[in-house]
Amino acid sequence: MLLFYHLLVGAFLPLVLFSGNWVSAKNINFYNVRPPLDPTPFPNSFKCFTCDNAVDNYNCNRWAEDRWCPESAQYCLTVHLFTDHGKSTSVTKKCATGDECHFVGCHHHRESGHTECVSCCEGMICNVEIPTNHTNAVLAVLHARRTSDGSRRTVSIAVLVSVMAIALS
């Protein structure tokens, strides 16, 4: 059965890879971006999408620089400026300190009619989305999943079931 799956993947993989309709810039899934396995500059370092005044979120993520955040940074910050009709006029993303993330939330600028929403998140390339309202213009912090001794990570049930299913097939 496993051989059948390998043959099936081998038969259809070239179709996916060489199909011009399926492989295009519009089909990039920014949620599955995995940074290269290059050495980290310091322990617990991470990367953020980084851009300065991009036209919209797609262009920011598409052309974002791939840089490690400095040791002083703990979060990824996103600043989204948009019109009353929801059209983006500016997207800025960068590594940020805790002090820079005290200003999360949305603020309406009466003089220009624009709204500015700021969000911060913790984790490797976590700033895929842009904040658009008070619900998602927040400071999103990861909670460490550790056991009481603090040295081993807990294993999720989904991972355990997947491993068991593979082992039994």
N, C-alpha and C. Protein backbone atom coordinates (compact mmCIF):
# COMPACT_ATOMS: atom_id res chain seq x y z
N MET A 1 0.82 -1.18 0.00
CA MET A 1 0.00 0.00 0.00
C MET A 1 0.87 1.26 0.00
N LEU A 2 1.95 1.24 0.79
CA LEU A 2 2.86 2.36 0.85
C LEU A 2 3.52 2.59 -0.50
N LEU A 3 3.86 1.51 -1.20
CA LEU A 3 4.45 1.61 -2.53
C LEU A 3 3.47 2.27 -3.49
N PHE A 4 2.20 1.95 -3.37
CA PHE A 4 1.17 2.56 -4.22
C PHE A 4 1.13 4.08 -4.04
N TYR A 5 1.21 4.55 -2.78
CA TYR A 5 1.21 5.99 -2.51
C TYR A 5 2.44 6.66 -3.10
N HIS A 6 3.59 6.02 -3.00
CA HIS A 6 4.81 6.58 -3.57
C HIS A 6 4.70 6.68 -5.09
N LEU A 7 4.13 5.66 -5.73
CA LEU A 7 3.96 5.70 -7.18
C LEU A 7 2.97 6.79 -7.57
N LEU A 8 1.91 6.94 -6.81
CA LEU A 8 0.91 7.95 -7.08
C LEU A 8 1.50 9.37 -6.98
N VAL A 9 2.27 9.61 -5.94
CA VAL A 9 2.92 10.91 -5.78
C VAL A 9 3.91 11.14 -6.90
N GLY A 10 4.67 10.11 -7.26
CA GLY A 10 5.65 10.22 -8.35
C GLY A 10 5.00 10.52 -9.69
N ALA A 11 3.79 10.05 -9.90
CA ALA A 11 3.10 10.27 -11.16
C ALA A 11 2.52 11.68 -11.26
N PHE A 12 2.01 12.22 -10.16
CA PHE A 12 1.35 13.51 -10.20
C PHE A 12 2.23 14.69 -9.81
N LEU A 13 3.33 14.45 -9.14
CA LEU A 13 4.21 15.54 -8.73
C LEU A 13 4.73 16.35 -9.92
N PRO A 14 5.19 15.74 -11.01
CA PRO A 14 5.65 16.54 -12.16
C PRO A 14 4.53 17.41 -12.75
N LEU A 15 3.30 16.93 -12.72
CA LEU A 15 2.19 17.74 -13.23
C LEU A 15 2.01 19.00 -12.41
N VAL A 16 2.13 18.88 -11.11
CA VAL A 16 1.98 20.03 -10.23
C VAL A 16 3.15 20.99 -10.41
N LEU A 17 4.35 20.45 -10.47
CA LEU A 17 5.53 21.30 -10.56
C LEU A 17 5.63 22.06 -11.87
N PHE A 18 5.21 21.45 -12.97
CA PHE A 18 5.38 22.07 -14.27
C PHE A 18 4.12 22.71 -14.82
N SER A 19 3.07 22.74 -14.06
CA SER A 19 1.84 23.38 -14.50
C SER A 19 1.94 24.88 -14.25
N GLY A 20 1.88 25.66 -15.28
CA GLY A 20 1.98 27.11 -15.16
C GLY A 20 0.83 27.73 -14.41
N ASN A 21 -0.33 27.10 -14.41
CA ASN A 21 -1.49 27.66 -13.73
C ASN A 21 -1.41 27.49 -12.22
N TRP A 22 -0.76 26.45 -11.77
CA TRP A 22 -0.72 26.16 -10.33
C TRP A 22 0.45 26.84 -9.65
N VAL A 23 1.52 27.08 -10.37
CA VAL A 23 2.71 27.68 -9.77
C VAL A 23 2.78 29.12 -10.24
N SER A 24 2.31 30.03 -9.41
CA SER A 24 2.38 31.45 -9.73
C SER A 24 2.51 32.23 -8.44
N ALA A 25 2.86 33.49 -8.56
CA ALA A 25 3.06 34.33 -7.38
C ALA A 25 1.78 34.50 -6.58
N LYS A 26 0.63 34.47 -7.23
CA LYS A 26 -0.64 34.65 -6.53
C LYS A 26 -1.00 33.45 -5.65
N ASN A 27 -0.36 32.30 -5.88
CA ASN A 27 -0.69 31.09 -5.13
C ASN A 27 0.29 30.83 -3.98
N ILE A 28 1.07 31.82 -3.60
CA ILE A 28 2.00 31.63 -2.49
C ILE A 28 1.21 31.56 -1.19
N ASN A 29 1.47 30.55 -0.41
CA ASN A 29 0.83 30.39 0.89
C ASN A 29 1.82 30.86 1.95
N PHE A 30 1.66 32.08 2.43
CA PHE A 30 2.60 32.65 3.38
C PHE A 30 2.55 31.96 4.75
N TYR A 31 1.50 31.18 5.01
CA TYR A 31 1.42 30.48 6.29
C TYR A 31 2.37 29.30 6.36
N ASN A 32 2.81 28.78 5.22
CA ASN A 32 3.72 27.64 5.20
C ASN A 32 5.15 28.03 4.95
N VAL A 33 5.48 29.30 5.13
CA VAL A 33 6.85 29.76 4.92
C VAL A 33 7.71 29.18 6.02
N ARG A 34 8.75 28.52 5.62
CA ARG A 34 9.70 27.95 6.57
C ARG A 34 11.05 28.60 6.31
N PRO A 35 11.63 29.22 7.33
CA PRO A 35 12.93 29.84 7.11
C PRO A 35 13.99 28.77 6.84
N PRO A 36 15.04 29.13 6.11
CA PRO A 36 16.10 28.17 5.84
C PRO A 36 16.76 27.74 7.14
N LEU A 37 17.40 26.61 7.10
CA LEU A 37 18.03 26.07 8.30
C LEU A 37 19.45 26.62 8.47
N ASP A 38 19.61 27.93 8.26
CA ASP A 38 20.91 28.53 8.48
C ASP A 38 21.12 28.72 9.97
N PRO A 39 22.35 28.84 10.39
CA PRO A 39 22.62 28.97 11.82
C PRO A 39 22.03 30.26 12.38
N THR A 40 21.47 30.18 13.56
CA THR A 40 20.90 31.35 14.20
C THR A 40 22.02 32.20 14.79
N PRO A 41 21.85 33.51 14.81
CA PRO A 41 22.91 34.37 15.33
C PRO A 41 23.06 34.31 16.85
N PHE A 42 21.99 33.89 17.55
CA PHE A 42 22.04 33.76 19.00
C PHE A 42 20.91 32.83 19.43
N PRO A 43 20.96 32.26 20.64
CA PRO A 43 19.91 31.33 21.09
C PRO A 43 18.53 31.99 21.11
N ASN A 44 17.52 31.21 20.76
CA ASN A 44 16.12 31.65 20.75
C ASN A 44 15.85 32.79 19.77
N SER A 45 16.66 32.93 18.75
CA SER A 45 16.42 33.99 17.77
C SER A 45 15.27 33.59 16.84
N PHE A 46 14.71 34.59 16.15
CA PHE A 46 13.56 34.36 15.28
C PHE A 46 13.60 35.38 14.15
N LYS A 47 12.73 35.18 13.16
CA LYS A 47 12.62 36.10 12.04
C LYS A 47 11.19 36.63 11.97
N CYS A 48 11.05 37.83 11.41
CA CYS A 48 9.75 38.45 11.15
C CYS A 48 9.70 38.86 9.69
N PHE A 49 8.48 38.94 9.12
CA PHE A 49 8.34 39.60 7.84
C PHE A 49 8.74 41.05 8.08
N THR A 50 9.56 41.63 7.20
CA THR A 50 9.98 43.01 7.36
C THR A 50 9.81 43.78 6.06
N CYS A 51 9.12 44.91 6.15
CA CYS A 51 8.95 45.81 5.01
C CYS A 51 8.65 47.19 5.56
N ASP A 52 8.88 48.20 4.74
CA ASP A 52 8.65 49.57 5.18
C ASP A 52 7.74 50.27 4.19
N ASN A 53 6.54 50.60 4.61
CA ASN A 53 5.56 51.32 3.78
C ASN A 53 5.24 50.60 2.47
N ALA A 54 5.00 49.32 2.54
CA ALA A 54 4.56 48.57 1.35
C ALA A 54 3.14 48.99 1.00
N VAL A 55 2.76 48.81 -0.26
CA VAL A 55 1.45 49.21 -0.74
C VAL A 55 0.33 48.40 -0.07
N ASP A 56 0.56 47.11 0.13
CA ASP A 56 -0.43 46.25 0.76
C ASP A 56 0.26 45.05 1.40
N ASN A 57 -0.51 44.20 2.06
CA ASN A 57 0.05 43.06 2.78
C ASN A 57 0.70 42.05 1.84
N TYR A 58 0.09 41.80 0.68
CA TYR A 58 0.64 40.84 -0.26
C TYR A 58 2.04 41.26 -0.69
N ASN A 59 2.20 42.52 -1.09
CA ASN A 59 3.51 42.99 -1.54
C ASN A 59 4.52 43.02 -0.41
N CYS A 60 4.07 43.30 0.80
CA CYS A 60 4.99 43.25 1.93
C CYS A 60 5.51 41.84 2.13
N ASN A 61 4.60 40.88 2.24
CA ASN A 61 5.02 39.49 2.48
C ASN A 61 5.81 38.92 1.31
N ARG A 62 5.42 39.27 0.11
CA ARG A 62 6.08 38.74 -1.09
C ARG A 62 7.53 39.18 -1.18
N TRP A 63 7.81 40.43 -0.84
CA TRP A 63 9.16 40.98 -1.00
C TRP A 63 9.84 41.24 0.33
N ALA A 64 9.35 40.66 1.40
CA ALA A 64 9.92 40.90 2.73
C ALA A 64 11.37 40.43 2.80
N GLU A 65 12.18 41.21 3.50
CA GLU A 65 13.57 40.83 3.71
C GLU A 65 13.61 39.69 4.72
N ASP A 66 14.54 38.80 4.52
CA ASP A 66 14.70 37.63 5.38
C ASP A 66 15.87 37.89 6.32
N ARG A 67 15.56 38.53 7.46
CA ARG A 67 16.62 38.89 8.41
C ARG A 67 16.29 38.36 9.80
N TRP A 68 17.33 37.97 10.52
CA TRP A 68 17.16 37.58 11.91
C TRP A 68 16.93 38.83 12.74
N CYS A 69 16.05 38.73 13.73
CA CYS A 69 15.80 39.86 14.62
C CYS A 69 16.95 39.99 15.62
N PRO A 70 17.24 41.21 16.05
CA PRO A 70 18.31 41.39 17.05
C PRO A 70 17.90 40.83 18.40
N GLU A 71 18.87 40.64 19.27
CA GLU A 71 18.59 40.07 20.59
C GLU A 71 17.63 40.92 21.40
N SER A 72 17.61 42.22 21.17
CA SER A 72 16.74 43.12 21.94
C SER A 72 15.27 42.96 21.56
N ALA A 73 14.99 42.37 20.40
CA ALA A 73 13.61 42.21 19.93
C ALA A 73 12.98 40.95 20.52
N GLN A 74 11.70 41.08 20.88
CA GLN A 74 10.96 39.93 21.39
C GLN A 74 9.74 39.61 20.54
N TYR A 75 9.34 40.53 19.66
CA TYR A 75 8.10 40.40 18.92
C TYR A 75 8.26 40.83 17.46
N CYS A 76 7.24 40.50 16.67
CA CYS A 76 7.11 41.01 15.30
C CYS A 76 5.99 42.05 15.33
N LEU A 77 6.25 43.24 14.83
CA LEU A 77 5.29 44.34 14.85
C LEU A 77 4.75 44.58 13.44
N THR A 78 3.45 44.86 13.34
CA THR A 78 2.81 45.20 12.06
C THR A 78 2.00 46.47 12.23
N VAL A 79 2.22 47.44 11.33
CA VAL A 79 1.46 48.69 11.32
C VAL A 79 0.73 48.75 9.98
N HIS A 80 -0.61 48.84 10.05
CA HIS A 80 -1.44 48.85 8.84
C HIS A 80 -2.23 50.16 8.79
N LEU A 81 -2.04 50.92 7.73
CA LEU A 81 -2.76 52.16 7.52
C LEU A 81 -3.71 51.95 6.35
N PHE A 82 -5.01 52.26 6.53
CA PHE A 82 -5.99 52.01 5.49
C PHE A 82 -7.09 53.06 5.49
N THR A 83 -7.82 53.15 4.37
CA THR A 83 -8.89 54.14 4.20
C THR A 83 -10.16 53.69 4.90
N ASP A 84 -11.16 54.58 4.90
CA ASP A 84 -12.46 54.25 5.48
C ASP A 84 -13.12 53.08 4.76
N HIS A 85 -12.74 52.85 3.50
CA HIS A 85 -13.31 51.75 2.72
C HIS A 85 -12.50 50.46 2.86
N GLY A 86 -11.48 50.46 3.73
CA GLY A 86 -10.69 49.25 3.97
C GLY A 86 -9.54 49.03 3.00
N LYS A 87 -9.25 49.98 2.12
CA LYS A 87 -8.17 49.84 1.16
C LYS A 87 -6.84 50.21 1.83
N SER A 88 -5.88 49.28 1.79
CA SER A 88 -4.58 49.52 2.39
C SER A 88 -3.84 50.63 1.67
N THR A 89 -3.21 51.49 2.46
CA THR A 89 -2.36 52.53 1.87
C THR A 89 -0.91 52.33 2.29
N SER A 90 -0.68 51.62 3.41
CA SER A 90 0.67 51.40 3.87
C SER A 90 0.71 50.22 4.84
N VAL A 91 1.72 49.36 4.66
CA VAL A 91 1.95 48.24 5.57
C VAL A 91 3.43 48.25 5.93
N THR A 92 3.71 48.28 7.23
CA THR A 92 5.09 48.22 7.73
C THR A 92 5.18 47.06 8.70
N LYS A 93 6.19 46.23 8.53
CA LYS A 93 6.42 45.09 9.42
C LYS A 93 7.88 45.07 9.81
N LYS A 94 8.15 44.72 11.10
CA LYS A 94 9.53 44.70 11.56
C LYS A 94 9.64 43.95 12.88
N CYS A 95 10.87 43.71 13.31
CA CYS A 95 11.14 43.18 14.63
C CYS A 95 10.92 44.31 15.63
N ALA A 96 10.46 43.97 16.84
CA ALA A 96 10.13 45.02 17.81
C ALA A 96 10.46 44.59 19.23
N THR A 97 10.67 45.58 20.06
CA THR A 97 10.88 45.35 21.49
C THR A 97 9.53 45.37 22.19
N GLY A 98 9.51 45.00 23.44
CA GLY A 98 8.27 45.03 24.21
C GLY A 98 7.71 46.43 24.34
N ASP A 99 8.59 47.45 24.44
CA ASP A 99 8.13 48.84 24.55
C ASP A 99 7.39 49.28 23.30
N GLU A 100 7.84 48.86 22.12
CA GLU A 100 7.18 49.24 20.88
C GLU A 100 5.79 48.61 20.76
N CYS A 101 5.57 47.52 21.45
CA CYS A 101 4.29 46.81 21.36
C CYS A 101 3.26 47.28 22.37
N HIS A 102 3.58 48.32 23.13
CA HIS A 102 2.60 48.88 24.08
C HIS A 102 1.51 49.67 23.36
N PHE A 103 1.70 49.95 22.07
CA PHE A 103 0.76 50.80 21.34
C PHE A 103 -0.11 50.00 20.38
N VAL A 104 -0.40 48.74 20.70
CA VAL A 104 -1.27 47.94 19.84
C VAL A 104 -2.70 48.48 19.92
N GLY A 105 -3.45 48.23 18.85
CA GLY A 105 -4.83 48.71 18.78
C GLY A 105 -5.04 49.53 17.51
N CYS A 106 -6.23 50.07 17.35
CA CYS A 106 -6.57 50.87 16.17
C CYS A 106 -6.87 52.30 16.58
N HIS A 107 -6.45 53.22 15.73
CA HIS A 107 -6.65 54.64 15.98
C HIS A 107 -7.09 55.30 14.68
N HIS A 108 -8.19 56.05 14.74
CA HIS A 108 -8.70 56.74 13.55
C HIS A 108 -8.12 58.16 13.52
N HIS A 109 -7.54 58.54 12.38
CA HIS A 109 -6.98 59.87 12.19
C HIS A 109 -8.00 60.72 11.45
N ARG A 110 -8.65 61.63 12.15
CA ARG A 110 -9.73 62.43 11.56
C ARG A 110 -9.25 63.32 10.43
N GLU A 111 -8.06 63.89 10.59
CA GLU A 111 -7.57 64.83 9.58
C GLU A 111 -7.36 64.17 8.21
N SER A 112 -6.92 62.92 8.19
CA SER A 112 -6.68 62.23 6.91
C SER A 112 -7.80 61.25 6.56
N GLY A 113 -8.62 60.89 7.55
CA GLY A 113 -9.68 59.91 7.30
C GLY A 113 -9.18 58.48 7.30
N HIS A 114 -7.92 58.27 7.62
CA HIS A 114 -7.34 56.92 7.63
C HIS A 114 -7.41 56.31 9.03
N THR A 115 -7.35 55.01 9.07
CA THR A 115 -7.26 54.27 10.33
C THR A 115 -5.93 53.57 10.36
N GLU A 116 -5.29 53.58 11.53
CA GLU A 116 -4.01 52.89 11.71
C GLU A 116 -4.21 51.82 12.78
N CYS A 117 -3.92 50.55 12.41
CA CYS A 117 -4.00 49.45 13.37
C CYS A 117 -2.60 48.87 13.56
N VAL A 118 -2.26 48.60 14.81
CA VAL A 118 -0.94 48.08 15.16
C VAL A 118 -1.13 46.77 15.92
N SER A 119 -0.37 45.74 15.52
CA SER A 119 -0.40 44.47 16.25
C SER A 119 1.02 43.97 16.44
N CYS A 120 1.20 43.13 17.44
CA CYS A 120 2.48 42.48 17.71
C CYS A 120 2.20 41.00 17.97
N CYS A 121 3.16 40.17 17.59
CA CYS A 121 3.03 38.74 17.84
C CYS A 121 4.39 38.16 18.19
N GLU A 122 4.37 36.99 18.80
CA GLU A 122 5.59 36.33 19.23
C GLU A 122 5.74 35.02 18.47
N GLY A 123 6.89 34.82 17.87
CA GLY A 123 7.14 33.56 17.18
C GLY A 123 7.76 33.76 15.82
N MET A 124 8.27 32.68 15.25
CA MET A 124 8.95 32.71 13.96
C MET A 124 7.98 33.11 12.85
N ILE A 125 8.26 34.20 12.17
CA ILE A 125 7.48 34.73 11.05
C ILE A 125 5.97 34.67 11.36
N CYS A 126 5.60 35.21 12.50
CA CYS A 126 4.19 35.15 12.95
C CYS A 126 3.34 36.27 12.36
N ASN A 127 3.97 37.29 11.77
CA ASN A 127 3.22 38.47 11.31
C ASN A 127 2.82 38.36 9.85
N VAL A 128 2.11 37.29 9.51
CA VAL A 128 1.62 37.07 8.15
C VAL A 128 0.46 38.02 7.86
N GLU A 129 -0.51 38.08 8.74
CA GLU A 129 -1.71 38.89 8.54
C GLU A 129 -1.48 40.33 8.97
N ILE A 130 -2.41 41.21 8.57
CA ILE A 130 -2.38 42.60 9.00
C ILE A 130 -3.58 42.86 9.91
N PRO A 131 -3.41 43.74 10.89
CA PRO A 131 -4.55 44.08 11.74
C PRO A 131 -5.52 45.00 11.00
N THR A 132 -6.81 44.76 11.17
CA THR A 132 -7.82 45.55 10.48
C THR A 132 -8.88 46.11 11.43
N ASN A 133 -8.88 45.67 12.69
CA ASN A 133 -9.87 46.15 13.66
C ASN A 133 -9.36 45.87 15.08
N HIS A 134 -10.15 46.23 16.07
CA HIS A 134 -9.72 46.04 17.47
C HIS A 134 -9.61 44.57 17.86
N THR A 135 -10.25 43.70 17.13
CA THR A 135 -10.21 42.27 17.45
C THR A 135 -8.85 41.66 17.13
N ASN A 136 -8.24 42.08 16.03
CA ASN A 136 -6.95 41.48 15.66
C ASN A 136 -5.76 42.44 15.79
N ALA A 137 -5.99 43.64 16.28
CA ALA A 137 -4.90 44.57 16.57
C ALA A 137 -4.50 44.40 18.03
N VAL A 138 -3.81 43.30 18.30
CA VAL A 138 -3.51 42.89 19.68
C VAL A 138 -2.05 42.45 19.80
N LEU A 139 -1.64 42.19 21.02
CA LEU A 139 -0.35 41.58 21.31
C LEU A 139 -0.59 40.10 21.51
N ALA A 140 -0.17 39.27 20.55
CA ALA A 140 -0.38 37.82 20.61
C ALA A 140 0.89 37.16 21.12
N VAL A 141 0.80 36.54 22.29
CA VAL A 141 1.96 35.93 22.93
C VAL A 141 1.76 34.42 22.97
N LEU A 142 2.82 33.69 22.62
CA LEU A 142 2.78 32.23 22.70
C LEU A 142 2.94 31.80 24.14
N HIS A 143 2.28 30.75 24.50
CA HIS A 143 2.44 30.18 25.84
C HIS A 143 3.35 28.96 25.72
N ALA A 144 4.37 28.91 26.55
CA ALA A 144 5.30 27.78 26.51
C ALA A 144 4.56 26.52 26.91
N ARG A 145 4.76 25.46 26.15
CA ARG A 145 4.15 24.17 26.47
C ARG A 145 5.22 23.27 27.07
N ARG A 146 5.34 23.31 28.36
CA ARG A 146 6.37 22.52 29.02
C ARG A 146 5.75 21.73 30.17
N THR A 147 6.43 20.66 30.52
CA THR A 147 5.97 19.85 31.64
C THR A 147 6.45 20.49 32.93
N SER A 148 6.08 19.92 34.06
CA SER A 148 6.42 20.51 35.34
C SER A 148 7.93 20.60 35.57
N ASP A 149 8.71 19.68 34.97
CA ASP A 149 10.14 19.76 35.20
C ASP A 149 10.79 20.81 34.30
N GLY A 150 10.03 21.36 33.33
CA GLY A 150 10.51 22.46 32.52
C GLY A 150 11.49 22.08 31.42
N SER A 151 11.77 20.81 31.22
CA SER A 151 12.79 20.46 30.24
C SER A 151 12.23 19.77 29.00
N ARG A 152 11.08 19.13 29.12
CA ARG A 152 10.54 18.40 27.97
C ARG A 152 9.25 19.04 27.50
N ARG A 153 9.03 19.03 26.18
CA ARG A 153 7.80 19.59 25.63
C ARG A 153 6.70 18.52 25.65
N THR A 154 5.47 18.97 25.78
CA THR A 154 4.36 18.04 25.72
C THR A 154 4.07 17.70 24.26
N VAL A 155 3.53 16.52 24.03
CA VAL A 155 3.22 16.08 22.68
C VAL A 155 1.71 16.16 22.50
N SER A 156 1.28 16.78 21.41
CA SER A 156 -0.15 16.90 21.19
C SER A 156 -0.75 15.55 20.80
N ILE A 157 -2.00 15.38 21.07
CA ILE A 157 -2.70 14.13 20.75
C ILE A 157 -2.72 13.91 19.24
N ALA A 158 -2.90 14.99 18.46
CA ALA A 158 -2.96 14.86 17.00
C ALA A 158 -1.64 14.30 16.45
N VAL A 159 -0.53 14.76 16.98
CA VAL A 159 0.78 14.25 16.52
C VAL A 159 0.92 12.78 16.91
N LEU A 160 0.52 12.44 18.11
CA LEU A 160 0.62 11.06 18.58
C LEU A 160 -0.23 10.14 17.75
N VAL A 161 -1.46 10.54 17.42
CA VAL A 161 -2.35 9.73 16.59
C VAL A 161 -1.77 9.58 15.18
N SER A 162 -1.22 10.65 14.63
CA SER A 162 -0.62 10.59 13.29
C SER A 162 0.55 9.62 13.25
N VAL A 163 1.40 9.67 14.25
CA VAL A 163 2.56 8.78 14.30
C VAL A 163 2.08 7.32 14.42
N MET A 164 1.09 7.10 15.23
CA MET A 164 0.58 5.73 15.40
C MET A 164 -0.05 5.22 14.10
N ALA A 165 -0.78 6.08 13.37
CA ALA A 165 -1.41 5.68 12.12
C ALA A 165 -0.36 5.32 11.09
N ILE A 166 0.71 6.08 11.02
CA ILE A 166 1.78 5.79 10.08
C ILE A 166 2.48 4.49 10.45
N ALA A 167 2.71 4.30 11.74
CA ALA A 167 3.40 3.09 12.20
C ALA A 167 2.58 1.83 11.92
N LEU A 168 1.27 1.94 12.00
CA LEU A 168 0.41 0.76 11.80
C LEU A 168 0.17 0.45 10.32
N SER A 169 0.41 1.42 9.42
CA SER A 169 0.13 1.16 7.99
C SER A 169 1.29 0.51 7.29
